[in-house]
Structure formats: structure tokens, C-alpha cells
PDB file of N, CA and C in Angstrom:
ATOM      1  N   ALA A   1       0.621  -0.812   0.273  1.00  0.00           N
ATOM      2  CA  ALA A   1       0.043   0.141   0.013  1.00  0.00           C
ATOM      3  C   ALA A   1       1.346   1.644  -0.154  1.00  0.00           C
ATOM      4  N   GLN A   2       0.111   2.169  -0.687  1.00  0.00           N
ATOM      5  CA  GLN A   2       0.968   3.611  -0.506  1.00  0.00           C
ATOM      6  C   GLN A   2      -0.064   5.093   0.027  1.00  0.00           C
ATOM      7  N   SER A   3       0.575   5.401   0.335  1.00  0.00           N
ATOM      8  CA  SER A   3      -0.013   6.887   0.703  1.00  0.00           C
ATOM      9  C   SER A   3      -0.323   7.520  -0.217  1.00  0.00           C
ATOM     10  N   LEU A   4      -1.838   7.800  -0.407  1.00  0.00           N
ATOM     11  CA  LEU A   4      -2.106   9.073  -1.592  1.00  0.00           C
ATOM     12  C   LEU A   4      -2.523   9.753  -1.347  1.00  0.00           C
ATOM     13  N   THR A   5      -2.164  10.973  -1.862  1.00  0.00           N
ATOM     14  CA  THR A   5      -2.743  12.107  -1.769  1.00  0.00           C
ATOM     15  C   THR A   5      -4.178  12.926  -2.904  1.00  0.00           C
ATOM     16  N   GLY A   6      -4.238  11.673  -4.318  1.00  0.00           N
ATOM     17  CA  GLY A   6      -5.445  12.414  -4.780  1.00  0.00           C
ATOM     18  C   GLY A   6      -5.947  11.590  -5.792  1.00  0.00           C
ATOM     19  N   ILE A   7      -7.053  11.326  -6.567  1.00  0.00           N
ATOM     20  CA  ILE A   7      -7.518  10.796  -7.763  1.00  0.00           C
ATOM     21  C   ILE A   7      -8.118  12.547  -8.700  1.00  0.00           C
ATOM     22  N   LYS A   8      -8.163  11.479  -9.568  1.00  0.00           N
ATOM     23  CA  LYS A   8      -8.930  12.755 -10.206  1.00  0.00           C
ATOM     24  C   LYS A   8      -9.164  11.729 -11.489  1.00  0.00           C
ATOM     25  N   TRP A   9     -10.636  12.089 -11.915  1.00  0.00           N
ATOM     26  CA  TRP A   9     -10.244  11.240 -12.939  1.00  0.00           C
ATOM     27  C   TRP A   9     -11.729  11.425 -14.645  1.00  0.00           C
ATOM     28  N   THR A  10     -11.952  11.986 -15.383  1.00  0.00           N
ATOM     29  CA  THR A  10     -12.805  12.681 -16.273  1.00  0.00           C
ATOM     30  C   THR A  10     -13.856  11.659 -17.358  1.00  0.00           C
ATOM     31  N   TYR A  11     -15.271  11.102 -17.900  1.00  0.00           N
ATOM     32  CA  TYR A  11     -15.254  11.034 -18.221  1.00  0.00           C
ATOM     33  C   TYR A  11     -15.779  11.580 -19.868  1.00  0.00           C
ATOM     34  N   ILE A  12     -15.161  10.314 -21.224  1.00  0.00           N
ATOM     35  CA  ILE A  12     -15.246  11.004 -22.040  1.00  0.00           C
ATOM     36  C   ILE A  12     -16.954  11.453 -22.597  1.00  0.00           C
ATOM     37  N   ARG A  13     -18.333  10.688 -22.318  1.00  0.00           N
ATOM     38  CA  ARG A  13     -19.963  11.330 -22.198  1.00  0.00           C
ATOM     39  C   ARG A  13     -20.848  11.401 -20.790  1.00  0.00           C
ATOM     40  N   SER A  14     -21.606  12.166 -21.100  1.00  0.00           N
ATOM     41  CA  SER A  14     -21.993  12.529 -19.634  1.00  0.00           C
ATOM     42  C   SER A  14     -23.292  11.090 -19.454  1.00  0.00           C
ATOM     43  N   ASP A  15     -23.438  10.802 -20.342  1.00  0.00           N
ATOM     44  CA  ASP A  15     -24.736   9.701 -20.479  1.00  0.00           C
ATOM     45  C   ASP A  15     -24.233   8.528 -19.494  1.00  0.00           C
ATOM     46  N   GLY A  16     -23.296   8.693 -19.356  1.00  0.00           N
ATOM     47  CA  GLY A  16     -23.203   6.674 -19.206  1.00  0.00           C
ATOM     48  C   GLY A  16     -23.159   6.520 -17.623  1.00  0.00           C
ATOM     49  N   VAL A  17     -23.629   7.326 -16.650  1.00  0.00           N
ATOM     50  CA  VAL A  17     -23.402   7.222 -14.818  1.00  0.00           C
ATOM     51  C   VAL A  17     -24.917   7.682 -14.561  1.00  0.00           C
ATOM     52  N   ASP A  18     -25.457   6.476 -13.946  1.00  0.00           N
ATOM     53  CA  ASP A  18     -25.858   7.050 -13.263  1.00  0.00           C
ATOM     54  C   ASP A  18     -25.632   7.520 -11.843  1.00  0.00           C
ATOM     55  N   ARG A  19     -24.831   6.940 -10.928  1.00  0.00           N
ATOM     56  CA  ARG A  19     -23.864   6.857  -9.629  1.00  0.00           C
ATOM     57  C   ARG A  19     -23.186   6.425  -9.832  1.00  0.00           C
ATOM     58  N   MET A  20     -20.956   6.967  -9.434  1.00  0.00           N
ATOM     59  CA  MET A  20     -20.379   6.229  -9.321  1.00  0.00           C
ATOM     60  C   MET A  20     -19.663   6.491  -8.025  1.00  0.00           C
ATOM     61  N   ARG A  21     -18.892   5.055  -6.922  1.00  0.00           N
ATOM     62  CA  ARG A  21     -18.229   5.559  -5.946  1.00  0.00           C
ATOM     63  C   ARG A  21     -17.347   5.636  -5.943  1.00  0.00           C
ATOM     64  N   LEU A  22     -16.301   5.972  -5.219  1.00  0.00           N
ATOM     65  CA  LEU A  22     -14.615   5.701  -5.471  1.00  0.00           C
ATOM     66  C   LEU A  22     -14.116   5.751  -4.623  1.00  0.00           C
ATOM     67  N   GLN A  23     -13.969   4.245  -4.523  1.00  0.00           N
ATOM     68  CA  GLN A  23     -13.319   3.561  -3.278  1.00  0.00           C
ATOM     69  C   GLN A  23     -11.742   3.092  -3.102  1.00  0.00           C
ATOM     70  N   VAL A  24     -10.792   2.278  -2.402  1.00  0.00           N
ATOM     71  CA  VAL A  24      -9.875   2.510  -2.003  1.00  0.00           C
ATOM     72  C   VAL A  24      -9.554   1.313  -1.092  1.00  0.00           C
ATOM     73  N   SER A  25      -8.487   0.621  -1.050  1.00  0.00           N
ATOM     74  CA  SER A  25      -8.861  -0.496  -0.472  1.00  0.00           C
ATOM     75  C   SER A  25      -7.067  -0.412  -0.405  1.00  0.00           C
ATOM     76  N   PRO A  26      -6.876  -1.618   0.620  1.00  0.00           N
ATOM     77  CA  PRO A  26      -4.728  -1.537   1.409  1.00  0.00           C
ATOM     78  C   PRO A  26      -4.812  -2.542   0.165  1.00  0.00           C
ATOM     79  N   ASP A  27      -5.542  -3.820   0.350  1.00  0.00           N
ATOM     80  CA  ASP A  27      -5.242  -5.145   0.065  1.00  0.00           C
ATOM     81  C   ASP A  27      -6.813  -6.095  -1.388  1.00  0.00           C
ATOM     82  N   GLY A  28      -7.073  -4.968  -1.719  1.00  0.00           N
ATOM     83  CA  GLY A  28      -8.176  -6.024  -2.647  1.00  0.00           C
ATOM     84  C   GLY A  28      -9.352  -6.434  -1.912  1.00  0.00           C
ATOM     85  N   VAL A  29      -9.565  -6.225  -0.720  1.00  0.00           N
ATOM     86  CA  VAL A  29     -10.110  -7.769   0.013  1.00  0.00           C
ATOM     87  C   VAL A  29     -11.719  -6.608   0.652  1.00  0.00           C
ATOM     88  N   THR A  30     -11.118  -5.610   1.935  1.00  0.00           N
ATOM     89  CA  THR A  30     -11.504  -4.398   2.223  1.00  0.00           C
ATOM     90  C   THR A  30     -11.758  -3.221   1.608  1.00  0.00           C
ATOM     91  N   TRP A  31     -12.787  -2.336   1.507  1.00  0.00           N
ATOM     92  CA  TRP A  31     -12.940  -1.251   0.631  1.00  0.00           C
ATOM     93  C   TRP A  31     -12.955  -0.133   1.662  1.00  0.00           C
ATOM     94  N   THR A  32     -12.217   0.946   1.205  1.00  0.00           N
ATOM     95  CA  THR A  32     -13.400   2.473   1.803  1.00  0.00           C
ATOM     96  C   THR A  32     -13.857   3.682   0.881  1.00  0.00           C
ATOM     97  N   GLN A  33     -15.036   3.483   0.593  1.00  0.00           N
ATOM     98  CA  GLN A  33     -15.823   4.519  -0.196  1.00  0.00           C
ATOM     99  C   GLN A  33     -14.614   6.135   0.675  1.00  0.00           C
ATOM    100  N   LEU A  34     -14.476   6.421  -0.653  1.00  0.00           N
ATOM    101  CA  LEU A  34     -14.015   8.227  -0.646  1.00  0.00           C
ATOM    102  C   LEU A  34     -15.460   9.195  -0.950  1.00  0.00           C
ATOM    103  N   VAL A  35     -15.915   8.886  -1.437  1.00  0.00           N
ATOM    104  CA  VAL A  35     -17.325   9.138  -2.186  1.00  0.00           C
ATOM    105  C   VAL A  35     -17.858   8.908  -2.762  1.00  0.00           C
ATOM    106  N   THR A  36     -18.649   9.754  -3.265  1.00  0.00           N
ATOM    107  CA  THR A  36     -20.351   9.098  -3.969  1.00  0.00           C
ATOM    108  C   THR A  36     -20.539   9.959  -4.705  1.00  0.00           C
ATOM    109  N   THR A  37     -20.645  10.511  -6.093  1.00  0.00           N
ATOM    110  CA  THR A  37     -20.724  11.564  -7.049  1.00  0.00           C
ATOM    111  C   THR A  37     -22.358  10.799  -8.091  1.00  0.00           C
ATOM    112  N   SER A  38     -22.889  12.845  -8.676  1.00  0.00           N
ATOM    113  CA  SER A  38     -24.172  11.468  -9.668  1.00  0.00           C
ATOM    114  C   SER A  38     -23.826  13.242 -11.035  1.00  0.00           C
ATOM    115  N   ALA A  39     -23.848  13.850 -10.804  1.00  0.00           N
ATOM    116  CA  ALA A  39     -23.579  14.456 -12.362  1.00  0.00           C
ATOM    117  C   ALA A  39     -22.456  14.379 -12.672  1.00  0.00           C
ATOM    118  N   ARG A  40     -22.293  13.767 -13.886  1.00  0.00           N
ATOM    119  CA  ARG A  40     -21.557  14.380 -15.198  1.00  0.00           C
ATOM    120  C   ARG A  40     -21.086  15.623 -15.963  1.00  0.00           C
ATOM    121  N   GLN A  41     -20.087  15.348 -16.658  1.00  0.00           N
ATOM    122  CA  GLN A  41     -19.975  16.932 -17.503  1.00  0.00           C
ATOM    123  C   GLN A  41     -18.687  15.835 -17.972  1.00  0.00           C
ATOM    124  N   ALA A  42     -18.604  15.654 -19.550  1.00  0.00           N
ATOM    125  CA  ALA A  42     -17.946  14.848 -20.440  1.00  0.00           C
ATOM    126  C   ALA A  42     -16.552  15.721 -20.538  1.00  0.00           C
ATOM    127  N   GLY A  43     -15.387  15.144 -20.379  1.00  0.00           N
ATOM    128  CA  GLY A  43     -14.284  15.982 -20.917  1.00  0.00           C
ATOM    129  C   GLY A  43     -13.394  17.748 -19.334  1.00  0.00           C
ATOM    130  N   THR A  44     -14.598  16.895 -18.654  1.00  0.00           N
ATOM    131  CA  THR A  44     -14.362  17.612 -17.327  1.00  0.00           C
ATOM    132  C   THR A  44     -13.273  16.887 -15.969  1.00  0.00           C
ATOM    133  N   TRP A  45     -12.385  17.469 -15.664  1.00  0.00           N
ATOM    134  CA  TRP A  45     -11.714  16.943 -14.384  1.00  0.00           C
ATOM    135  C   TRP A  45     -12.398  16.287 -13.068  1.00  0.00           C
ATOM    136  N   GLU A  46     -12.698  15.570 -12.316  1.00  0.00           N
ATOM    137  CA  GLU A  46     -13.128  15.591 -11.215  1.00  0.00           C
ATOM    138  C   GLU A  46     -12.342  14.984 -10.348  1.00  0.00           C
ATOM    139  N   GLY A  47     -12.526  15.448  -8.961  1.00  0.00           N
ATOM    140  CA  GLY A  47     -11.070  14.893  -8.502  1.00  0.00           C
ATOM    141  C   GLY A  47     -11.580  14.687  -6.658  1.00  0.00           C
ATOM    142  N   TRP A  48     -10.909  14.104  -6.149  1.00  0.00           N
ATOM    143  CA  TRP A  48     -10.635  14.099  -4.543  1.00  0.00           C
ATOM    144  C   TRP A  48      -9.450  14.112  -3.429  1.00  0.00           C
ATOM    145  N   ALA A  49      -9.448  14.383  -2.821  1.00  0.00           N
ATOM    146  CA  ALA A  49      -7.655  14.898  -1.791  1.00  0.00           C
ATOM    147  C   ALA A  49      -8.176  13.520  -1.321  1.00  0.00           C
ATOM    148  N   THR A  50      -7.224  12.990  -0.714  1.00  0.00           N
ATOM    149  CA  THR A  50      -7.978  11.694  -0.147  1.00  0.00           C
ATOM    150  C   THR A  50      -5.808  11.160   0.769  1.00  0.00           C
ATOM    151  N   THR A  51      -5.986  11.205   1.982  1.00  0.00           N
ATOM    152  CA  THR A  51      -4.569  10.419   2.266  1.00  0.00           C
ATOM    153  C   THR A  51      -5.007   9.448   2.864  1.00  0.00           C
ATOM    154  N   ALA A  52      -5.341   8.695   2.333  1.00  0.00           N
ATOM    155  CA  ALA A  52      -5.662   7.319   2.891  1.00  0.00           C
ATOM    156  C   ALA A  52      -3.968   6.509   2.474  1.00  0.00           C
ATOM    157  N   GLN A  53      -4.292   5.949   2.541  1.00  0.00           N
ATOM    158  CA  GLN A  53      -3.175   4.768   2.658  1.00  0.00           C
ATOM    159  C   GLN A  53      -4.012   2.919   1.181  1.00  0.00           C
ATOM    160  N   ALA A  54      -3.324   2.795   0.104  1.00  0.00           N
ATOM    161  CA  ALA A  54      -3.918   2.725  -1.005  1.00  0.00           C
ATOM    162  C   ALA A  54      -3.171   1.492  -1.234  1.00  0.00           C
ATOM    163  N   ARG A  55      -3.668   0.162  -2.069  1.00  0.00           N
ATOM    164  CA  ARG A  55      -2.790  -0.584  -3.049  1.00  0.00           C
ATOM    165  C   ARG A  55      -3.686  -0.488  -4.664  1.00  0.00           C
ATOM    166  N   TYR A  56      -4.599  -0.245  -4.172  1.00  0.00           N
ATOM    167  CA  TYR A  56      -5.873  -0.670  -5.187  1.00  0.00           C
ATOM    168  C   TYR A  56      -7.050   0.732  -4.986  1.00  0.00           C
ATOM    169  N   VAL A  57      -7.516   0.440  -6.638  1.00  0.00           N
ATOM    170  CA  VAL A  57      -8.140   2.178  -6.475  1.00  0.00           C
ATOM    171  C   VAL A  57      -9.467   1.515  -7.280  1.00  0.00           C
ATOM    172  N   ARG A  58     -10.940   1.625  -7.135  1.00  0.00           N
ATOM    173  CA  ARG A  58     -11.910   1.430  -7.294  1.00  0.00           C
ATOM    174  C   ARG A  58     -13.220   2.448  -8.376  1.00  0.00           C
ATOM    175  N   LEU A  59     -13.580   2.438  -9.520  1.00  0.00           N
ATOM    176  CA  LEU A  59     -14.911   2.883  -9.494  1.00  0.00           C
ATOM    177  C   LEU A  59     -15.588   2.693  -9.840  1.00  0.00           C
ATOM    178  N   VAL A  60     -16.796   2.437  -8.660  1.00  0.00           N
ATOM    179  CA  VAL A  60     -17.951   1.786  -8.320  1.00  0.00           C
ATOM    180  C   VAL A  60     -19.579   1.906  -9.824  1.00  0.00           C
ATOM    181  N   PHE A  61     -19.798   1.435 -10.690  1.00  0.00           N
ATOM    182  CA  PHE A  61     -21.331   2.478 -11.408  1.00  0.00           C
ATOM    183  C   PHE A  61     -22.542   1.115 -10.748  1.00  0.00           C
ATOM    184  N   ASP A  62     -23.719   2.871 -10.663  1.00  0.00           N
ATOM    185  CA  ASP A  62     -24.231   2.099 -10.630  1.00  0.00           C
ATOM    186  C   ASP A  62     -25.335   1.978 -11.510  1.00  0.00           C
ATOM    187  N   ASN A  63     -26.375   0.698 -11.666  1.00  0.00           N
ATOM    188  CA  ASN A  63     -27.329   1.289 -12.894  1.00  0.00           C
ATOM    189  C   ASN A  63     -28.272   1.573 -12.656  1.00  0.00           C
ATOM    190  N   GLN A  64     -29.112   2.349 -12.013  1.00  0.00           N
ATOM    191  CA  GLN A  64     -30.378   2.741 -10.812  1.00  0.00           C
ATOM    192  C   GLN A  64     -31.275   2.365 -12.135  1.00  0.00           C
ATOM    193  N   THR A  65     -31.232   3.121 -13.071  1.00  0.00           N
ATOM    194  CA  THR A  65     -31.951   3.152 -14.311  1.00  0.00           C
ATOM    195  C   THR A  65     -32.115   2.426 -15.495  1.00  0.00           C
ATOM    196  N   GLY A  66     -30.941   1.466 -15.601  1.00  0.00           N
ATOM    197  CA  GLY A  66     -30.581   0.780 -17.098  1.00  0.00           C
ATOM    198  C   GLY A  66     -30.166   0.611 -17.386  1.00  0.00           C
ATOM    199  N   ARG A  67     -29.179   1.619 -17.528  1.00  0.00           N
ATOM    200  CA  ARG A  67     -28.852   2.539 -18.958  1.00  0.00           C
ATOM    201  C   ARG A  67     -27.723   1.071 -19.610  1.00  0.00           C
ATOM    202  N   PRO A  68     -28.154   0.545 -20.884  1.00  0.00           N
ATOM    203  CA  PRO A  68     -26.974  -0.207 -21.754  1.00  0.00           C
ATOM    204  C   PRO A  68     -25.384  -0.092 -21.624  1.00  0.00           C
ATOM    205  N   VAL A  69     -25.433   1.415 -21.156  1.00  0.00           N
ATOM    206  CA  VAL A  69     -23.689   0.686 -21.177  1.00  0.00           C
ATOM    207  C   VAL A  69     -23.029   2.514 -19.842  1.00  0.00           C
ATOM    208  N   LEU A  70     -21.771   1.423 -19.097  1.00  0.00           N
ATOM    209  CA  LEU A  70     -21.780   1.768 -17.926  1.00  0.00           C
ATOM    210  C   LEU A  70     -20.506   2.737 -17.394  1.00  0.00           C
ATOM    211  N   GLY A  71     -20.571   3.787 -17.957  1.00  0.00           N
ATOM    212  CA  GLY A  71     -18.697   4.564 -17.121  1.00  0.00           C
ATOM    213  C   GLY A  71     -18.760   5.163 -18.333  1.00  0.00           C
ATOM    214  N   TYR A  72     -18.245   5.204 -19.244  1.00  0.00           N
ATOM    215  CA  TYR A  72     -17.373   6.036 -19.805  1.00  0.00           C
ATOM    216  C   TYR A  72     -16.536   6.548 -19.928  1.00  0.00           C
ATOM    217  N   VAL A  73     -15.463   6.127 -19.079  1.00  0.00           N
ATOM    218  CA  VAL A  73     -14.273   6.746 -18.322  1.00  0.00           C
ATOM    219  C   VAL A  73     -13.058   6.728 -19.011  1.00  0.00           C
ATOM    220  N   ALA A  74     -12.659   8.546 -19.284  1.00  0.00           N
ATOM    221  CA  ALA A  74     -12.084   8.237 -20.167  1.00  0.00           C
ATOM    222  C   ALA A  74     -10.138   8.208 -19.776  1.00  0.00           C
ATOM    223  N   ASP A  75     -10.572   8.380 -18.684  1.00  0.00           N
ATOM    224  CA  ASP A  75      -8.290   8.860 -17.686  1.00  0.00           C
ATOM    225  C   ASP A  75      -8.983   8.805 -16.456  1.00  0.00           C
ATOM    226  N   VAL A  76      -7.708   8.083 -15.999  1.00  0.00           N
ATOM    227  CA  VAL A  76      -7.985   7.956 -13.597  1.00  0.00           C
ATOM    228  C   VAL A  76      -6.722   8.049 -13.778  1.00  0.00           C
ATOM    229  N   GLN A  77      -6.138   9.065 -12.911  1.00  0.00           N
ATOM    230  CA  GLN A  77      -4.906   9.238 -13.078  1.00  0.00           C
ATOM    231  C   GLN A  77      -4.938   9.773 -10.699  1.00  0.00           C
ATOM    232  N   VAL A  78      -4.131   8.823 -10.244  1.00  0.00           N
ATOM    233  CA  VAL A  78      -3.656   8.571  -8.611  1.00  0.00           C
ATOM    234  C   VAL A  78      -1.761   9.094  -8.740  1.00  0.00           C
ATOM    235  N   TRP A  79      -2.113   9.875  -7.721  1.00  0.00           N
ATOM    236  CA  TRP A  79      -0.685  10.612  -6.727  1.00  0.00           C
ATOM    237  C   TRP A  79      -1.297   9.760  -4.838  1.00  0.00           C
TER     238      TRP A  79
END
């Protein structure tokens, strides 16, 4: 696990996300949720500052409206 200072992400399209949960884990088994987001804007960087110790980072997409495609993540950066 490494000390993190922040995570940021951007989407290529804005219509592929009902809700996204940003989570981190030191071992891939125990996950800590950092933030939940819902309103997306394509091409706009979003981010979250953190002091978490983590080896793994994941974006979990919830499909509450039954969309056929989820995510549309263009890029993710972890510091």
C-alpha cells in the first residue's frame, strides 16, 4: 500500500453514469468508500483529495436506471 494524496478522473460522455462510488483498498478485500458522485460533465476533470493508504483504487458504477452502457471513463490519475 502507498500513501495517496488524490485521485482524479474524467469521462468521455456524460450520459453513462447514474452514480459512481470511488473506493480504495490496501488489500483488494477491504474497501473504503471516499466519495459518491452523480452529475457528470464530459471532458471535465473531477477529483478527490485523500490521505488514504491504498494499493487498489476502483470506480464502482451503479445502474439505477438500467442504462445499456456504464462508465465512459476517459482517464484516471492517482497520486
